[in-house]
Amino acid sequence: MEPSVLNRPFFFFLALLLLLYNTAAAAEQGDSSADTPESSQESALDLALKTITLSQGEGGFELWRLKAEWANILKQDDIIFLTKPRLTYFMEDDKVMYVQSDSGDVEQQKHLLRFIDNVRVTQDDKILTGKILVYDGTVKTMTMPEGGELTATGVEGSGNHLVWFINTQRIETTGDVIMHLESAAPEGHTPPGVDSY
């Protein structure tokens, strides 16, 4: 069975909320036939939720959990816009990856999670930063199409296009690649902390 980006029960719950929201809005406004194009565009944003949590399971285990301070749901395009998304990704060998950004969105049909502005990915000693990150749930990759910077114990690098293959833990970068290698991490060096999840 193909894993969906979001749980079906969650979207059933969202559909129910949207139905209640639209029914209440129709009751307040009545049956007005004088709708303007502006009012039609405003109604495209169907629901806004504060403090939202989404998750996906695979093989009977939780694969990832996504939390956000706000979520604006655009029903007609099947998109959820997020404010301050925080992703916890559960990997093999009990490893955990964290992703955070200022904003982002979810496209259910395309199996995509997008993180935008001040993107930060941490996993063990690895820290990846950039402007945009796209998680593709079909092929299990995290891509920085506008480039990013990677730091890890003894390594610093950057490139114009980075792809993190999650299943194999391989990171590939292309375009103006710069890499600095150290024989050992500076004494007392610890990676900067991340926001709480």
Protein backbone atom coordinates (compact mmCIF):
# COMPACT_ATOMS: atom_id res chain seq x y z
CA MET A 1 0.00 0.00 0.00
CA GLU A 2 1.47 3.37 -0.98
CA PRO A 3 2.10 5.58 2.06
CA SER A 4 0.34 8.91 1.92
CA VAL A 5 2.03 12.07 3.11
CA LEU A 6 -0.69 12.64 5.64
CA ASN A 7 -2.87 10.29 7.61
CA ARG A 8 -6.33 9.68 6.14
CA PRO A 9 -8.08 10.10 9.53
CA PHE A 10 -6.52 13.53 9.84
CA PHE A 11 -7.86 14.65 6.46
CA PHE A 12 -11.27 13.21 7.26
CA PHE A 13 -11.20 15.38 10.38
CA LEU A 14 -10.14 18.40 8.29
CA ALA A 15 -12.92 17.75 5.79
CA LEU A 16 -15.42 17.68 8.65
CA LEU A 17 -14.04 20.96 10.02
CA LEU A 18 -14.24 22.54 6.56
CA LEU A 19 -17.84 21.41 6.15
CA LEU A 20 -18.80 22.89 9.53
CA TYR A 21 -16.91 26.10 8.76
CA ASN A 22 -18.51 26.55 5.32
CA THR A 23 -21.99 25.73 6.67
CA ALA A 24 -21.61 28.31 9.45
CA ALA A 25 -20.33 30.93 7.01
CA ALA A 26 -23.25 30.32 4.65
CA ALA A 27 -25.74 30.63 7.52
CA GLU A 28 -24.23 33.98 8.55
CA GLN A 29 -24.19 35.47 5.06
CA GLY A 30 -27.39 33.98 3.71
CA ASP A 31 -27.84 33.10 0.04
CA SER A 32 -26.42 36.22 -1.59
CA SER A 33 -26.23 36.19 -5.38
CA ALA A 34 -24.19 39.43 -5.42
CA ASP A 35 -20.83 37.77 -4.66
CA THR A 36 -17.92 39.70 -6.11
CA PRO A 37 -14.69 38.14 -7.45
CA GLU A 38 -12.90 39.53 -4.37
CA SER A 39 -15.24 37.73 -1.98
CA SER A 40 -14.81 34.50 -3.97
CA GLN A 41 -11.03 34.78 -3.65
CA GLU A 42 -11.25 35.44 0.06
CA SER A 43 -13.37 32.31 0.55
CA ALA A 44 -10.61 30.18 -1.05
CA LEU A 45 -8.84 30.23 2.32
CA ASP A 46 -11.15 27.80 4.05
CA LEU A 47 -9.75 27.35 7.53
CA ALA A 48 -7.01 28.55 9.85
CA LEU A 49 -5.89 26.44 12.79
CA LYS A 50 -3.60 27.35 15.69
CA THR A 51 -1.06 24.78 16.87
CA ILE A 52 -1.45 21.92 14.42
CA THR A 53 0.21 18.47 14.44
CA LEU A 54 0.45 16.15 11.42
CA SER A 55 2.11 12.75 11.24
CA GLN A 56 2.82 9.89 8.86
CA GLY A 57 3.33 6.23 9.64
CA GLU A 58 5.04 3.56 7.60
CA GLY A 59 5.29 -0.16 8.29
CA GLY A 60 3.38 0.21 11.54
CA PHE A 61 5.79 2.84 12.92
CA GLU A 62 5.67 6.61 13.03
CA LEU A 63 7.91 7.98 10.26
CA TRP A 64 7.61 11.69 11.00
CA ARG A 65 5.70 14.21 13.08
CA LEU A 66 5.15 17.81 12.00
CA LYS A 67 4.06 20.61 14.31
CA ALA A 68 3.34 24.23 13.41
CA GLU A 69 2.16 27.34 15.25
CA TRP A 70 -0.45 28.07 12.57
CA ALA A 71 -1.88 26.27 9.55
CA ASN A 72 -3.95 27.88 6.81
CA ILE A 73 -5.79 25.32 4.70
CA LEU A 74 -6.49 26.10 1.05
CA LYS A 75 -9.08 23.48 0.15
CA GLN A 76 -9.29 24.04 -3.60
CA ASP A 77 -5.52 23.48 -4.10
CA ASP A 78 -5.12 20.81 -1.40
CA ILE A 79 -2.37 22.88 0.26
CA ILE A 80 -1.72 23.58 3.93
CA PHE A 81 0.38 26.70 4.60
CA LEU A 82 2.40 26.52 7.81
CA THR A 83 3.90 29.05 10.21
CA LYS A 84 7.01 27.94 12.13
CA PRO A 85 6.91 24.26 11.09
CA ARG A 86 8.98 21.81 13.16
CA LEU A 87 9.54 18.31 11.76
CA THR A 88 10.77 15.32 13.76
CA TYR A 89 11.86 12.53 11.39
CA PHE A 90 12.44 9.07 12.89
CA MET A 91 15.24 7.21 11.12
CA GLU A 92 16.74 3.74 11.37
CA ASP A 93 18.94 2.79 14.33
CA ASP A 94 16.87 5.06 16.60
CA LYS A 95 18.35 8.18 14.98
CA VAL A 96 16.24 11.33 14.76
CA MET A 97 16.43 14.23 12.31
CA TYR A 98 14.94 17.65 13.07
CA VAL A 99 13.89 20.27 10.51
CA GLN A 100 12.68 23.78 11.31
CA SER A 101 11.97 26.98 9.36
CA ASP A 102 9.99 30.21 9.50
CA SER A 103 7.24 29.00 7.15
CA GLY A 104 6.33 26.18 4.80
CA ASP A 105 3.56 24.18 3.20
CA VAL A 106 2.26 20.67 2.61
CA GLU A 107 1.06 19.35 -0.75
CA GLN A 108 -0.72 16.06 -0.07
CA GLN A 109 -1.19 14.91 -3.68
CA LYS A 110 2.49 15.45 -4.54
CA HIS A 111 3.77 13.98 -1.26
CA LEU A 112 5.80 17.15 -0.58
CA LEU A 113 6.68 19.09 2.55
CA ARG A 114 8.28 22.48 1.92
CA PHE A 115 10.31 24.48 4.48
CA ILE A 116 10.99 28.14 3.66
CA ASP A 117 13.31 30.80 5.18
CA ASN A 118 15.90 30.12 7.88
CA VAL A 119 15.81 26.37 7.25
CA ARG A 120 17.85 24.29 9.69
CA VAL A 121 18.28 20.50 9.63
CA THR A 122 20.08 18.70 12.46
CA GLN A 123 20.94 15.03 12.82
CA ASP A 124 23.64 13.92 15.27
CA ASP A 125 26.58 16.26 14.59
CA LYS A 126 25.38 17.28 11.11
CA ILE A 127 23.79 20.71 10.62
CA LEU A 128 22.40 21.76 7.24
CA THR A 129 21.17 25.33 6.71
CA GLY A 130 19.63 27.14 3.76
CA LYS A 131 16.69 29.13 2.46
CA ILE A 132 14.42 26.39 1.05
CA LEU A 133 14.16 22.65 1.72
CA VAL A 134 11.78 20.25 -0.01
CA TYR A 135 11.05 16.83 1.50
CA ASP A 136 9.83 14.33 -1.11
CA GLY A 137 7.97 11.54 0.67
CA THR A 138 7.95 9.32 -2.42
CA VAL A 139 11.73 9.00 -2.80
CA LYS A 140 12.69 10.02 0.77
CA THR A 141 14.96 12.93 -0.10
CA MET A 142 15.48 16.39 1.35
CA THR A 143 16.55 18.85 -1.36
CA MET A 144 17.86 22.40 -1.06
CA PRO A 145 17.30 23.70 -4.62
CA GLU A 146 18.82 27.11 -3.84
CA GLY A 147 21.84 25.68 -2.07
CA GLY A 148 22.89 25.36 1.51
CA GLU A 149 25.72 24.92 3.98
CA LEU A 150 26.70 21.76 5.82
CA THR A 151 28.73 21.49 9.01
CA ALA A 152 29.69 18.29 10.82
CA THR A 153 32.55 17.07 12.97
CA GLY A 154 35.67 17.94 11.00
CA VAL A 155 33.78 19.04 7.88
CA GLU A 156 32.34 22.27 6.50
CA GLY A 157 30.93 22.65 3.02
CA SER A 158 28.45 24.39 0.76
CA GLY A 159 26.98 24.11 -2.71
CA ASN A 160 24.35 25.56 -5.02
CA HIS A 161 22.15 22.44 -4.91
CA LEU A 162 22.11 19.87 -2.09
CA VAL A 163 20.27 16.56 -1.85
CA TRP A 164 20.13 14.48 1.34
CA PHE A 165 19.19 10.84 0.59
CA ILE A 166 17.64 9.87 3.91
CA ASN A 167 17.63 6.08 3.55
CA THR A 168 21.33 5.87 2.64
CA GLN A 169 22.46 8.93 4.66
CA ARG A 170 24.26 10.26 1.58
CA ILE A 171 24.48 14.00 0.88
CA GLU A 172 25.24 15.18 -2.66
CA THR A 173 25.97 18.76 -3.67
CA THR A 174 26.57 20.40 -7.05
CA GLY A 175 27.47 23.88 -8.33
CA ASP A 176 30.21 26.00 -6.72
CA VAL A 177 31.00 23.29 -4.20
CA ILE A 178 33.32 24.33 -1.37
CA MET A 179 34.58 21.83 1.20
CA HIS A 180 36.85 22.30 4.22
CA LEU A 181 38.18 19.27 6.09
CA GLU A 182 39.73 19.32 9.55
CA SER A 183 41.68 16.55 11.22
CA ALA A 184 39.55 16.92 14.35
CA ALA A 185 36.80 19.14 15.67
CA PRO A 186 37.97 22.14 17.73
CA GLU A 187 38.29 21.36 21.42
CA GLY A 188 35.10 22.13 23.31
CA HIS A 189 33.09 22.49 20.08
CA THR A 190 29.42 21.60 20.35
CA PRO A 191 26.80 22.13 17.64
CA PRO A 192 24.38 25.01 18.29
CA GLY A 193 21.07 23.96 19.86
CA VAL A 194 17.74 23.67 18.08
CA ASP A 195 14.27 24.79 19.04
CA SER A 196 12.30 22.43 21.26
CA TYR A 197 10.03 19.95 19.48
